[in-house]
Amino acid sequence: MFVYNNDVKLEDLGEGVSRKIMAYSDNVMSVEVYFEEGAVGAMHNHPHEQITYVLSGEFEFTIGDETKVVKAGDALYKVPNIMHGCVCLKKGVLLDTFAPMREDFVKQ
């Protein structure tokens, strides 16, 4: 399967955050998340493993009780059920990979 970025609808999540669900199966999902400067990814957790790759911008991420600044080229791993969130310091895009896929993202 081929997925062309220009063909994927950008979903406005409000408050400076939007996303594109790029591709998924039952086992894995790839999502681009767009942040305006100052936008917040609220602290949350979920039962999925998650890898976040910073495509552009700069973010202050909290994973569990650790907070660090990351920028383009950096990656983060989140174990299932760990609290995590971010603040966008410079407008940017994250590429999130979830295993298994996030059913809550497609059942709206």
Protein backbone atom coordinates (compact mmCIF):
# COMPACT_ATOMS: atom_id res chain seq x y z
CA MET A 1 0.00 0.00 0.00
CA PHE A 2 1.22 3.52 -0.82
CA VAL A 3 0.00 6.56 1.11
CA TYR A 4 0.64 10.00 -0.36
CA ASN A 5 0.80 12.79 2.20
CA ASN A 6 -1.10 15.22 -0.05
CA ASP A 7 -4.03 12.77 -0.17
CA VAL A 8 -4.41 12.49 3.61
CA LYS A 9 -6.86 14.85 5.31
CA LEU A 10 -5.44 17.10 8.04
CA GLU A 11 -7.70 16.80 11.09
CA ASP A 12 -7.88 19.90 13.31
CA LEU A 13 -7.79 18.82 16.95
CA GLY A 14 -8.05 22.41 18.22
CA GLU A 15 -5.75 24.69 20.20
CA GLY A 16 -2.93 24.61 17.63
CA VAL A 17 -2.75 20.84 17.16
CA SER A 18 -3.75 18.84 14.07
CA ARG A 19 -2.95 15.37 12.73
CA LYS A 20 -2.85 13.10 9.73
CA ILE A 21 -3.41 9.38 10.18
CA MET A 22 -0.97 8.18 7.54
CA ALA A 23 -1.30 4.40 7.54
CA TYR A 24 -2.29 1.57 9.86
CA SER A 25 -3.09 -2.07 10.33
CA ASP A 26 -4.32 -3.88 13.43
CA ASN A 27 -0.72 -4.08 14.65
CA VAL A 28 0.80 -0.64 13.95
CA MET A 29 -0.18 2.96 13.13
CA SER A 30 1.74 5.96 11.80
CA VAL A 31 0.44 9.47 12.57
CA GLU A 32 1.83 12.94 11.80
CA VAL A 33 1.00 15.49 14.51
CA TYR A 34 1.35 19.20 13.71
CA PHE A 35 1.89 21.75 16.48
CA GLU A 36 1.81 25.54 16.44
CA GLU A 37 4.27 27.26 18.76
CA GLY A 38 2.92 27.16 22.32
CA ALA A 39 0.46 24.34 21.62
CA VAL A 40 0.21 21.66 24.29
CA GLY A 41 -0.07 17.90 23.99
CA ALA A 42 -1.86 17.34 27.31
CA MET A 43 -0.49 14.76 29.73
CA HIS A 44 -2.15 11.40 29.07
CA ASN A 45 -1.49 7.68 28.88
CA HIS A 46 -2.70 4.74 26.82
CA PRO A 47 -2.04 0.99 26.59
CA HIS A 48 -0.04 1.28 23.34
CA GLU A 49 3.72 1.35 22.86
CA GLN A 50 4.68 4.62 21.17
CA ILE A 51 7.72 5.94 19.36
CA THR A 52 7.80 9.64 18.51
CA TYR A 53 10.23 11.00 15.93
CA VAL A 54 10.63 14.78 15.74
CA LEU A 55 10.40 15.75 12.06
CA SER A 56 10.68 19.49 12.71
CA GLY A 57 10.44 22.06 15.46
CA GLU A 58 11.36 21.90 19.13
CA PHE A 59 9.36 20.39 21.99
CA GLU A 60 9.57 20.08 25.76
CA PHE A 61 8.46 16.50 26.47
CA THR A 62 7.57 14.91 29.77
CA ILE A 63 7.62 11.11 29.99
CA GLY A 64 6.86 9.81 33.46
CA ASP A 65 8.78 12.07 35.85
CA GLU A 66 11.43 13.14 33.30
CA THR A 67 11.24 16.34 31.20
CA LYS A 68 13.63 17.14 28.34
CA VAL A 69 13.78 19.34 25.24
CA VAL A 70 13.93 17.55 21.88
CA LYS A 71 14.28 18.84 18.31
CA ALA A 72 14.30 17.62 14.70
CA GLY A 73 16.06 14.26 14.41
CA ASP A 74 15.43 13.19 18.02
CA ALA A 75 13.22 10.26 19.01
CA LEU A 76 11.34 9.21 22.15
CA TYR A 77 10.00 5.86 23.32
CA LYS A 78 6.98 5.57 25.61
CA VAL A 79 6.14 2.30 27.34
CA PRO A 80 2.45 1.37 27.61
CA ASN A 81 0.44 3.31 30.21
CA ILE A 82 3.17 5.85 31.08
CA MET A 83 2.00 9.44 31.52
CA HIS A 84 3.40 11.71 28.81
CA GLY A 85 2.80 15.04 27.10
CA CYS A 86 4.56 18.00 25.50
CA VAL A 87 4.70 21.73 24.91
CA CYS A 88 5.73 22.97 21.48
CA LEU A 89 8.56 25.49 21.82
CA LYS A 90 9.02 26.03 18.06
CA LYS A 91 6.36 25.14 15.48
CA GLY A 92 6.88 21.57 14.34
CA VAL A 93 5.71 18.13 13.32
CA LEU A 94 5.97 14.81 15.16
CA LEU A 95 5.73 11.36 13.61
CA ASP A 96 4.08 8.98 16.09
CA THR A 97 4.13 5.22 15.68
CA PHE A 98 1.78 3.17 17.84
CA ALA A 99 1.62 -0.57 18.44
CA PRO A 100 -1.02 -1.80 18.26
CA MET A 101 -2.94 0.79 16.27
CA ARG A 102 -5.06 3.42 18.05
CA GLU A 103 -8.65 2.35 17.45
CA ASP A 104 -9.81 5.51 19.23
CA PHE A 105 -8.25 7.59 16.43
CA VAL A 106 -10.35 5.98 13.69
CA LYS A 107 -13.64 5.38 15.56
CA GLN A 108 -14.99 8.90 15.94
